[in-house]
Amino acid sequence: MKLPVPVLMILTVPLAGQVGGRPTRPKVQRPDGAMWEVIRKNCVACHGIDDYAFYAQDRAGWQKLIVDKHKSGEPDLSEKDRNILLDWLAAKFGPDAKPFPRTYIPPEITTFFSDPEAKRLMDRACTRCHGLDRVQGVRNAEEAWRATLVDMRERGAQLSDEELERLVEWLTRVWGTNQGK
């Protein structure tokens, strides 16, 4: 059976491209009880619980990710809270889970940030979770800056698509490398 072209296009275009063009975030049901208290006390100041849906790992993988993703290593959790968190993550987002896809299509940007504009945006979007020294000591190519900013936005940085792309351009220009051009 040969499908008409419009039907074929609908079947091949990713769902995000069909409904407004922007990928959706996963929807993670908030846990109750002790699990919610651990997340509320230790996690949601910097990122939402939907971030967990981007991964599918065993307990050891979750332990490593938690240490690797935090600026000072593992968050200051009691052993009891750490066990509650790791048990929940491994059960809900374990190796058999299907991770939510990370997709981002950068819009074309034709106006660029000045130094003061970029610094104001970084002060607003970045310093809630870490100091700007983490940015100032890094040299990245454009795609590495984009991947970093998309990851930071997924962790809670308040950046629109346009702000993200303008900041990528500025970071590449100011703290970039000659790689990837």
N, C-alpha and C. Protein backbone atom coordinates (compact mmCIF):
# COMPACT_ATOMS: atom_id res chain seq x y z
N MET A 1 0.85 -1.18 0.00
CA MET A 1 0.00 0.00 0.00
C MET A 1 0.89 1.24 0.00
N LYS A 2 0.64 2.15 -0.89
CA LYS A 2 1.42 3.38 -0.99
C LYS A 2 0.63 4.51 -0.31
N LEU A 3 1.28 5.17 0.66
CA LEU A 3 0.64 6.24 1.40
C LEU A 3 0.78 7.56 0.66
N PRO A 4 -0.24 8.44 0.74
CA PRO A 4 -0.11 9.77 0.15
C PRO A 4 1.02 10.55 0.85
N VAL A 5 1.66 11.46 0.12
CA VAL A 5 2.80 12.21 0.64
C VAL A 5 2.50 12.92 1.96
N PRO A 6 1.36 13.64 2.12
CA PRO A 6 1.12 14.31 3.40
C PRO A 6 1.08 13.33 4.58
N VAL A 7 0.47 12.16 4.39
CA VAL A 7 0.40 11.17 5.47
C VAL A 7 1.80 10.64 5.76
N LEU A 8 2.57 10.37 4.72
CA LEU A 8 3.92 9.89 4.88
C LEU A 8 4.77 10.90 5.63
N MET A 9 4.63 12.19 5.33
CA MET A 9 5.39 13.23 6.02
C MET A 9 5.02 13.28 7.50
N ILE A 10 3.75 13.16 7.81
CA ILE A 10 3.31 13.19 9.20
C ILE A 10 3.92 12.03 9.97
N LEU A 11 4.04 10.88 9.32
CA LEU A 11 4.60 9.72 9.99
C LEU A 11 6.11 9.81 10.17
N THR A 12 6.80 10.59 9.33
CA THR A 12 8.25 10.65 9.41
C THR A 12 8.78 11.87 10.14
N VAL A 13 7.99 12.92 10.28
CA VAL A 13 8.43 14.12 11.01
C VAL A 13 8.30 13.84 12.50
N PRO A 14 9.35 14.11 13.30
CA PRO A 14 9.24 13.88 14.73
C PRO A 14 8.04 14.63 15.32
N LEU A 15 7.47 14.05 16.36
CA LEU A 15 6.28 14.64 16.98
C LEU A 15 6.52 16.08 17.40
N ALA A 16 7.71 16.40 17.92
CA ALA A 16 7.99 17.79 18.34
C ALA A 16 7.87 18.74 17.16
N GLY A 17 8.24 18.28 15.97
CA GLY A 17 8.15 19.12 14.79
C GLY A 17 6.71 19.29 14.32
N GLN A 18 5.82 18.41 14.74
CA GLN A 18 4.43 18.48 14.32
C GLN A 18 3.60 19.37 15.25
N VAL A 19 4.03 19.53 16.48
CA VAL A 19 3.22 20.28 17.44
C VAL A 19 3.98 21.49 17.97
N GLY A 20 4.20 22.46 17.10
CA GLY A 20 4.80 23.70 17.55
C GLY A 20 6.30 23.78 17.37
N GLY A 21 6.96 22.69 16.98
CA GLY A 21 8.36 22.74 16.68
C GLY A 21 9.31 22.67 17.86
N ARG A 22 8.83 22.77 19.07
CA ARG A 22 9.73 22.72 20.23
C ARG A 22 9.54 21.39 20.96
N PRO A 23 10.64 20.68 21.21
CA PRO A 23 10.51 19.42 21.93
C PRO A 23 9.86 19.64 23.30
N THR A 24 9.13 18.65 23.73
CA THR A 24 8.48 18.73 25.03
C THR A 24 9.42 18.21 26.11
N ARG A 25 9.13 18.55 27.35
CA ARG A 25 9.87 18.01 28.48
C ARG A 25 9.13 16.77 28.96
N PRO A 26 9.83 15.84 29.58
CA PRO A 26 9.14 14.68 30.13
C PRO A 26 8.26 15.11 31.31
N LYS A 27 7.27 14.32 31.58
CA LYS A 27 6.39 14.58 32.73
C LYS A 27 6.62 13.45 33.73
N VAL A 28 7.23 13.77 34.85
CA VAL A 28 7.50 12.78 35.88
C VAL A 28 6.53 13.02 37.03
N GLN A 29 5.81 11.99 37.40
CA GLN A 29 4.87 12.12 38.52
C GLN A 29 5.66 12.29 39.82
N ARG A 30 5.32 13.30 40.56
CA ARG A 30 6.00 13.58 41.81
C ARG A 30 5.75 12.47 42.82
N PRO A 31 6.81 11.93 43.42
CA PRO A 31 6.60 10.90 44.44
C PRO A 31 6.06 11.51 45.72
N ASP A 32 5.55 10.68 46.58
CA ASP A 32 5.03 11.13 47.87
C ASP A 32 5.95 10.69 48.99
N GLY A 33 5.63 11.13 50.19
CA GLY A 33 6.27 10.66 51.40
C GLY A 33 7.75 11.00 51.50
N ALA A 34 8.51 10.03 52.02
CA ALA A 34 9.93 10.25 52.28
C ALA A 34 10.70 10.59 51.01
N MET A 35 10.33 9.98 49.90
CA MET A 35 11.04 10.25 48.64
C MET A 35 10.88 11.72 48.26
N TRP A 36 9.66 12.25 48.35
CA TRP A 36 9.45 13.65 48.01
C TRP A 36 10.23 14.56 48.96
N GLU A 37 10.29 14.22 50.22
CA GLU A 37 11.04 15.06 51.17
C GLU A 37 12.52 15.11 50.82
N VAL A 38 13.08 13.98 50.40
CA VAL A 38 14.50 13.95 50.00
C VAL A 38 14.70 14.85 48.78
N ILE A 39 13.84 14.72 47.77
CA ILE A 39 13.96 15.53 46.56
C ILE A 39 13.74 17.01 46.88
N ARG A 40 12.72 17.30 47.66
CA ARG A 40 12.42 18.69 48.00
C ARG A 40 13.57 19.35 48.74
N LYS A 41 14.18 18.64 49.69
CA LYS A 41 15.27 19.21 50.48
C LYS A 41 16.58 19.34 49.70
N ASN A 42 16.81 18.45 48.73
CA ASN A 42 18.14 18.35 48.14
C ASN A 42 18.24 18.60 46.65
N CYS A 43 17.14 18.57 45.92
CA CYS A 43 17.26 18.55 44.46
C CYS A 43 16.60 19.72 43.74
N VAL A 44 15.38 20.06 44.11
CA VAL A 44 14.59 20.97 43.29
C VAL A 44 15.00 22.43 43.35
N ALA A 45 15.95 22.79 44.19
CA ALA A 45 16.44 24.17 44.17
C ALA A 45 17.17 24.46 42.86
N CYS A 46 17.76 23.43 42.26
CA CYS A 46 18.53 23.63 41.02
C CYS A 46 17.95 22.96 39.79
N HIS A 47 17.12 21.95 39.93
CA HIS A 47 16.54 21.30 38.75
C HIS A 47 15.24 20.60 39.13
N GLY A 48 14.42 20.37 38.13
CA GLY A 48 13.15 19.70 38.35
C GLY A 48 13.31 18.20 38.41
N ILE A 49 12.28 17.51 38.86
CA ILE A 49 12.36 16.05 38.92
C ILE A 49 12.24 15.43 37.54
N ASP A 50 11.80 16.22 36.55
CA ASP A 50 11.70 15.66 35.20
C ASP A 50 13.08 15.37 34.61
N ASP A 51 14.15 15.97 35.13
CA ASP A 51 15.50 15.69 34.64
C ASP A 51 15.85 14.21 34.74
N TYR A 52 15.29 13.51 35.73
CA TYR A 52 15.62 12.11 35.92
C TYR A 52 15.19 11.27 34.72
N ALA A 53 14.17 11.70 34.00
CA ALA A 53 13.62 10.90 32.91
C ALA A 53 14.55 10.84 31.69
N PHE A 54 15.61 11.64 31.68
CA PHE A 54 16.55 11.63 30.57
C PHE A 54 17.55 10.48 30.68
N TYR A 55 17.48 9.70 31.75
CA TYR A 55 18.45 8.65 31.99
C TYR A 55 17.74 7.33 32.30
N ALA A 56 18.45 6.22 32.07
CA ALA A 56 17.98 4.88 32.42
C ALA A 56 19.22 4.13 32.91
N GLN A 57 19.37 4.04 34.24
CA GLN A 57 20.61 3.49 34.79
C GLN A 57 20.34 2.62 36.00
N ASP A 58 21.30 1.78 36.31
CA ASP A 58 21.22 1.02 37.54
C ASP A 58 21.65 1.91 38.71
N ARG A 59 21.62 1.35 39.90
CA ARG A 59 21.91 2.13 41.11
C ARG A 59 23.33 2.75 41.06
N ALA A 60 24.30 1.97 40.62
CA ALA A 60 25.69 2.46 40.54
C ALA A 60 25.79 3.59 39.51
N GLY A 61 25.08 3.46 38.42
CA GLY A 61 25.08 4.52 37.40
C GLY A 61 24.49 5.81 37.94
N TRP A 62 23.39 5.70 38.70
CA TRP A 62 22.78 6.88 39.31
C TRP A 62 23.73 7.52 40.31
N GLN A 63 24.40 6.69 41.12
CA GLN A 63 25.36 7.22 42.09
C GLN A 63 26.44 8.03 41.38
N LYS A 64 27.00 7.49 40.31
CA LYS A 64 28.06 8.16 39.56
C LYS A 64 27.53 9.46 38.93
N LEU A 65 26.34 9.41 38.34
CA LEU A 65 25.77 10.60 37.71
C LEU A 65 25.56 11.72 38.73
N ILE A 66 25.06 11.37 39.89
CA ILE A 66 24.82 12.37 40.93
C ILE A 66 26.14 13.04 41.32
N VAL A 67 27.18 12.27 41.49
CA VAL A 67 28.49 12.83 41.84
C VAL A 67 29.02 13.68 40.70
N ASP A 68 28.96 13.16 39.46
CA ASP A 68 29.53 13.86 38.31
C ASP A 68 28.80 15.16 37.98
N LYS A 69 27.49 15.22 38.19
CA LYS A 69 26.71 16.38 37.78
C LYS A 69 26.69 17.53 38.78
N HIS A 70 27.18 17.31 39.97
CA HIS A 70 27.14 18.37 40.98
C HIS A 70 28.50 19.02 41.11
N LYS A 71 28.48 20.33 41.26
CA LYS A 71 29.71 21.12 41.23
C LYS A 71 30.71 20.73 42.32
N SER A 72 30.25 20.28 43.44
CA SER A 72 31.16 19.93 44.53
C SER A 72 31.12 18.43 44.82
N GLY A 73 30.85 17.62 43.80
CA GLY A 73 30.72 16.19 44.03
C GLY A 73 29.32 15.85 44.48
N GLU A 74 29.21 14.83 45.26
CA GLU A 74 27.90 14.38 45.71
C GLU A 74 27.25 15.39 46.64
N PRO A 75 25.93 15.60 46.49
CA PRO A 75 25.24 16.51 47.41
C PRO A 75 25.35 15.99 48.84
N ASP A 76 25.19 16.87 49.79
CA ASP A 76 25.30 16.53 51.20
C ASP A 76 24.05 15.80 51.65
N LEU A 77 24.01 14.49 51.40
CA LEU A 77 22.86 13.68 51.77
C LEU A 77 23.25 12.75 52.92
N SER A 78 22.32 12.53 53.82
CA SER A 78 22.56 11.51 54.83
C SER A 78 22.55 10.16 54.12
N GLU A 79 23.12 9.15 54.74
CA GLU A 79 23.14 7.82 54.12
C GLU A 79 21.71 7.33 53.88
N LYS A 80 20.83 7.59 54.84
CA LYS A 80 19.43 7.17 54.70
C LYS A 80 18.79 7.85 53.48
N ASP A 81 18.96 9.20 53.35
CA ASP A 81 18.38 9.93 52.22
C ASP A 81 19.00 9.48 50.89
N ARG A 82 20.31 9.24 50.88
CA ARG A 82 20.99 8.78 49.66
C ARG A 82 20.39 7.43 49.22
N ASN A 83 20.18 6.54 50.17
CA ASN A 83 19.62 5.23 49.84
C ASN A 83 18.19 5.34 49.32
N ILE A 84 17.40 6.21 49.94
CA ILE A 84 16.02 6.43 49.47
C ILE A 84 16.04 6.94 48.03
N LEU A 85 16.88 7.94 47.77
CA LEU A 85 16.97 8.53 46.44
C LEU A 85 17.45 7.51 45.41
N LEU A 86 18.55 6.82 45.70
CA LEU A 86 19.09 5.85 44.74
C LEU A 86 18.14 4.68 44.50
N ASP A 87 17.47 4.21 45.53
CA ASP A 87 16.50 3.12 45.35
C ASP A 87 15.36 3.56 44.44
N TRP A 88 14.86 4.78 44.66
CA TRP A 88 13.75 5.28 43.83
C TRP A 88 14.20 5.48 42.38
N LEU A 89 15.37 6.10 42.19
CA LEU A 89 15.87 6.33 40.83
C LEU A 89 16.07 5.03 40.09
N ALA A 90 16.69 4.04 40.74
CA ALA A 90 16.94 2.76 40.08
C ALA A 90 15.65 2.02 39.77
N ALA A 91 14.64 2.16 40.65
CA ALA A 91 13.36 1.49 40.41
C ALA A 91 12.56 2.19 39.31
N LYS A 92 12.51 3.51 39.35
CA LYS A 92 11.67 4.27 38.40
C LYS A 92 12.38 4.52 37.07
N PHE A 93 13.70 4.74 37.10
CA PHE A 93 14.47 5.07 35.90
C PHE A 93 15.66 4.14 35.78
N GLY A 94 15.39 2.85 35.94
CA GLY A 94 16.44 1.83 35.87
C GLY A 94 16.81 1.47 34.44
N PRO A 95 17.68 0.48 34.28
CA PRO A 95 18.18 0.10 32.96
C PRO A 95 17.09 -0.34 31.99
N ASP A 96 15.95 -0.79 32.49
CA ASP A 96 14.87 -1.22 31.61
C ASP A 96 13.94 -0.08 31.19
N ALA A 97 14.12 1.09 31.79
CA ALA A 97 13.30 2.26 31.44
C ALA A 97 13.77 2.80 30.09
N LYS A 98 12.91 3.53 29.43
CA LYS A 98 13.29 4.17 28.17
C LYS A 98 13.55 5.65 28.46
N PRO A 99 14.82 6.10 28.28
CA PRO A 99 15.10 7.51 28.56
C PRO A 99 14.37 8.43 27.60
N PHE A 100 13.93 9.56 28.12
CA PHE A 100 13.28 10.58 27.30
C PHE A 100 14.34 11.18 26.37
N PRO A 101 14.02 11.36 25.08
CA PRO A 101 15.05 11.87 24.16
C PRO A 101 15.38 13.33 24.42
N ARG A 102 16.66 13.66 24.26
CA ARG A 102 17.12 15.04 24.36
C ARG A 102 17.25 15.56 22.94
N THR A 103 16.39 16.49 22.59
CA THR A 103 16.46 17.07 21.26
C THR A 103 16.42 18.57 21.38
N TYR A 104 17.18 19.22 20.54
CA TYR A 104 17.17 20.67 20.51
C TYR A 104 17.60 21.10 19.12
N ILE A 105 16.82 21.95 18.49
CA ILE A 105 17.15 22.47 17.18
C ILE A 105 17.38 23.96 17.35
N PRO A 106 18.63 24.43 17.17
CA PRO A 106 18.89 25.84 17.42
C PRO A 106 18.25 26.75 16.39
N PRO A 107 17.58 27.80 16.84
CA PRO A 107 17.05 28.78 15.89
C PRO A 107 18.19 29.64 15.35
N GLU A 108 18.00 30.20 14.18
CA GLU A 108 19.01 31.09 13.61
C GLU A 108 18.92 32.45 14.31
N ILE A 109 20.05 32.95 14.76
CA ILE A 109 20.11 34.21 15.48
C ILE A 109 20.91 35.21 14.63
N THR A 110 20.36 36.40 14.45
CA THR A 110 21.05 37.39 13.62
C THR A 110 21.51 38.61 14.41
N THR A 111 21.09 38.73 15.66
CA THR A 111 21.59 39.82 16.50
C THR A 111 22.41 39.19 17.62
N PHE A 112 23.51 39.83 17.97
CA PHE A 112 24.44 39.22 18.91
C PHE A 112 24.53 40.04 20.18
N PHE A 113 24.87 39.36 21.28
CA PHE A 113 25.03 40.02 22.57
C PHE A 113 26.29 40.88 22.61
N SER A 114 26.17 42.00 23.27
CA SER A 114 27.36 42.76 23.67
C SER A 114 27.86 42.11 24.95
N ASP A 115 29.07 42.46 25.36
CA ASP A 115 29.61 41.91 26.61
C ASP A 115 28.70 42.19 27.81
N PRO A 116 28.24 43.44 28.00
CA PRO A 116 27.37 43.69 29.17
C PRO A 116 26.05 42.90 29.11
N GLU A 117 25.46 42.75 27.92
CA GLU A 117 24.21 41.98 27.81
C GLU A 117 24.44 40.52 28.19
N ALA A 118 25.52 39.94 27.69
CA ALA A 118 25.82 38.54 27.98
C ALA A 118 26.09 38.34 29.47
N LYS A 119 26.83 39.24 30.06
CA LYS A 119 27.14 39.11 31.48
C LYS A 119 25.89 39.24 32.35
N ARG A 120 24.98 40.14 31.96
CA ARG A 120 23.71 40.27 32.70
C ARG A 120 22.91 38.97 32.61
N LEU A 121 22.84 38.38 31.42
CA LEU A 121 22.08 37.13 31.26
C LEU A 121 22.73 36.01 32.07
N MET A 122 24.04 35.91 32.02
CA MET A 122 24.70 34.85 32.80
C MET A 122 24.48 35.07 34.30
N ASP A 123 24.50 36.32 34.75
CA ASP A 123 24.22 36.59 36.16
C ASP A 123 22.82 36.13 36.53
N ARG A 124 21.87 36.33 35.63
CA ARG A 124 20.48 35.93 35.90
C ARG A 124 20.29 34.42 35.80
N ALA A 125 20.86 33.80 34.76
CA ALA A 125 20.53 32.41 34.46
C ALA A 125 21.49 31.40 35.08
N CYS A 126 22.73 31.79 35.35
CA CYS A 126 23.75 30.81 35.72
C CYS A 126 24.11 30.81 37.20
N THR A 127 24.15 31.99 37.79
CA THR A 127 24.71 32.09 39.14
C THR A 127 23.77 31.60 40.23
N ARG A 128 22.59 31.20 39.88
CA ARG A 128 21.68 30.62 40.88
C ARG A 128 22.24 29.30 41.41
N CYS A 129 22.95 28.58 40.54
CA CYS A 129 23.48 27.27 40.93
C CYS A 129 25.00 27.21 41.04
N HIS A 130 25.72 28.09 40.35
CA HIS A 130 27.18 28.05 40.42
C HIS A 130 27.75 29.42 40.07
N GLY A 131 29.01 29.62 40.42
CA GLY A 131 29.68 30.87 40.12
C GLY A 131 30.09 30.97 38.66
N LEU A 132 30.32 32.19 38.20
CA LEU A 132 30.73 32.41 36.81
C LEU A 132 32.15 31.94 36.55
N ASP A 133 32.94 31.69 37.61
CA ASP A 133 34.28 31.17 37.41
C ASP A 133 34.26 29.82 36.69
N ARG A 134 33.18 29.07 36.83
CA ARG A 134 33.05 27.79 36.11
C ARG A 134 32.95 28.01 34.62
N VAL A 135 32.44 29.15 34.20
CA VAL A 135 32.31 29.46 32.78
C VAL A 135 33.60 30.10 32.28
N GLN A 136 34.13 31.01 33.05
CA GLN A 136 35.27 31.81 32.60
C GLN A 136 36.54 31.00 32.40
N GLY A 137 36.65 29.86 33.04
CA GLY A 137 37.85 29.04 32.89
C GLY A 137 37.77 28.02 31.78
N VAL A 138 36.68 28.00 31.02
CA VAL A 138 36.46 26.97 30.00
C VAL A 138 36.64 27.56 28.62
N ARG A 139 37.19 26.77 27.73
CA ARG A 139 37.27 27.12 26.31
C ARG A 139 36.58 26.01 25.54
N ASN A 140 35.50 26.33 24.83
CA ASN A 140 34.74 25.32 24.09
C ASN A 140 34.46 25.80 22.68
N ALA A 141 34.29 24.84 21.79
CA ALA A 141 33.78 25.11 20.45
C ALA A 141 32.27 25.35 20.56
N GLU A 142 31.68 25.86 19.50
CA GLU A 142 30.26 26.23 19.50
C GLU A 142 29.35 25.10 19.95
N GLU A 143 29.50 23.91 19.39
CA GLU A 143 28.60 22.80 19.74
C GLU A 143 28.75 22.39 21.20
N ALA A 144 29.96 22.48 21.73
CA ALA A 144 30.15 22.14 23.15
C ALA A 144 29.46 23.17 24.05
N TRP A 145 29.54 24.46 23.68
CA TRP A 145 28.82 25.48 24.45
C TRP A 145 27.32 25.24 24.36
N ARG A 146 26.82 24.91 23.16
CA ARG A 146 25.38 24.66 22.99
C ARG A 146 24.95 23.48 23.85
N ALA A 147 25.70 22.39 23.81
CA ALA A 147 25.36 21.21 24.62
C ALA A 147 25.35 21.55 26.11
N THR A 148 26.32 22.34 26.54
CA THR A 148 26.38 22.74 27.95
C THR A 148 25.16 23.58 28.33
N LEU A 149 24.81 24.57 27.49
CA LEU A 149 23.69 25.44 27.82
C LEU A 149 22.35 24.71 27.77
N VAL A 150 22.19 23.80 26.82
CA VAL A 150 20.95 23.00 26.78
C VAL A 150 20.86 22.16 28.05
N ASP A 151 21.98 21.56 28.46
CA ASP A 151 22.00 20.78 29.69
C ASP A 151 21.66 21.65 30.90
N MET A 152 22.23 22.86 30.96
CA MET A 152 21.95 23.75 32.09
C MET A 152 20.48 24.17 32.09
N ARG A 153 19.92 24.40 30.90
CA ARG A 153 18.50 24.76 30.84
C ARG A 153 17.65 23.60 31.32
N GLU A 154 18.04 22.38 30.96
CA GLU A 154 17.29 21.21 31.42
C GLU A 154 17.41 21.02 32.92
N ARG A 155 18.45 21.60 33.53
CA ARG A 155 18.64 21.53 34.97
C ARG A 155 17.98 22.70 35.69
N GLY A 156 17.43 23.66 34.94
CA GLY A 156 16.69 24.75 35.59
C GLY A 156 17.09 26.16 35.21
N ALA A 157 18.16 26.33 34.44
CA ALA A 157 18.54 27.70 34.03
C ALA A 157 17.42 28.29 33.18
N GLN A 158 17.03 29.49 33.49
CA GLN A 158 15.93 30.16 32.78
C GLN A 158 16.47 30.84 31.54
N LEU A 159 16.43 30.14 30.40
CA LEU A 159 16.91 30.65 29.12
C LEU A 159 15.91 30.34 28.03
N SER A 160 15.48 31.35 27.30
CA SER A 160 14.65 31.10 26.12
C SER A 160 15.56 30.54 25.02
N ASP A 161 14.97 30.00 23.96
CA ASP A 161 15.77 29.52 22.83
C ASP A 161 16.64 30.63 22.26
N GLU A 162 16.07 31.82 22.12
CA GLU A 162 16.84 32.93 21.56
C GLU A 162 17.99 33.33 22.48
N GLU A 163 17.71 33.42 23.78
CA GLU A 163 18.78 33.76 24.72
C GLU A 163 19.88 32.71 24.70
N LEU A 164 19.47 31.45 24.65
CA LEU A 164 20.44 30.36 24.62
C LEU A 164 21.35 30.50 23.40
N GLU A 165 20.78 30.70 22.23
CA GLU A 165 21.59 30.79 21.02
C GLU A 165 22.45 32.04 20.99
N ARG A 166 21.94 33.15 21.46
CA ARG A 166 22.76 34.37 21.52
C ARG A 166 23.91 34.19 22.50
N LEU A 167 23.66 33.49 23.59
CA LEU A 167 24.72 33.23 24.56
C LEU A 167 25.74 32.24 23.99
N VAL A 168 25.29 31.24 23.24
CA VAL A 168 26.22 30.32 22.57
C VAL A 168 27.15 31.11 21.65
N GLU A 169 26.59 32.00 20.86
CA GLU A 169 27.40 32.80 19.94
C GLU A 169 28.42 33.62 20.71
N TRP A 170 27.99 34.28 21.80
CA TRP A 170 28.88 35.12 22.58
C TRP A 170 29.97 34.30 23.26
N LEU A 171 29.58 33.18 23.90
CA LEU A 171 30.58 32.34 24.56
C LEU A 171 31.60 31.80 23.57
N THR A 172 31.14 31.43 22.38
CA THR A 172 32.06 30.92 21.36
C THR A 172 33.02 32.02 20.92
N ARG A 173 32.50 33.23 20.79
CA ARG A 173 33.33 34.36 20.36
C ARG A 173 34.33 34.76 21.44
N VAL A 174 33.88 34.80 22.70
CA VAL A 174 34.70 35.29 23.79
C VAL A 174 35.56 34.19 24.43
N TRP A 175 34.97 33.02 24.68
CA TRP A 175 35.67 31.92 25.35
C TRP A 175 35.64 30.66 24.49
N GLY A 176 35.79 30.82 23.21
CA GLY A 176 35.74 29.69 22.31
C GLY A 176 37.11 29.13 21.99
N THR A 177 37.11 28.21 21.06
CA THR A 177 38.34 27.62 20.54
C THR A 177 38.29 27.76 19.04
N ASN A 178 39.31 27.34 18.39
CA ASN A 178 39.29 27.33 16.93
C ASN A 178 38.76 26.00 16.40
N GLN A 179 38.37 25.11 17.29
CA GLN A 179 37.84 23.80 16.88
C GLN A 179 36.40 23.95 16.45
N GLY A 180 35.97 23.08 15.58
CA GLY A 180 34.55 22.97 15.24
C GLY A 180 34.02 24.12 14.41
N LYS A 181 34.86 24.94 13.82
CA LYS A 181 34.37 26.07 13.02
C LYS A 181 34.34 25.71 11.57
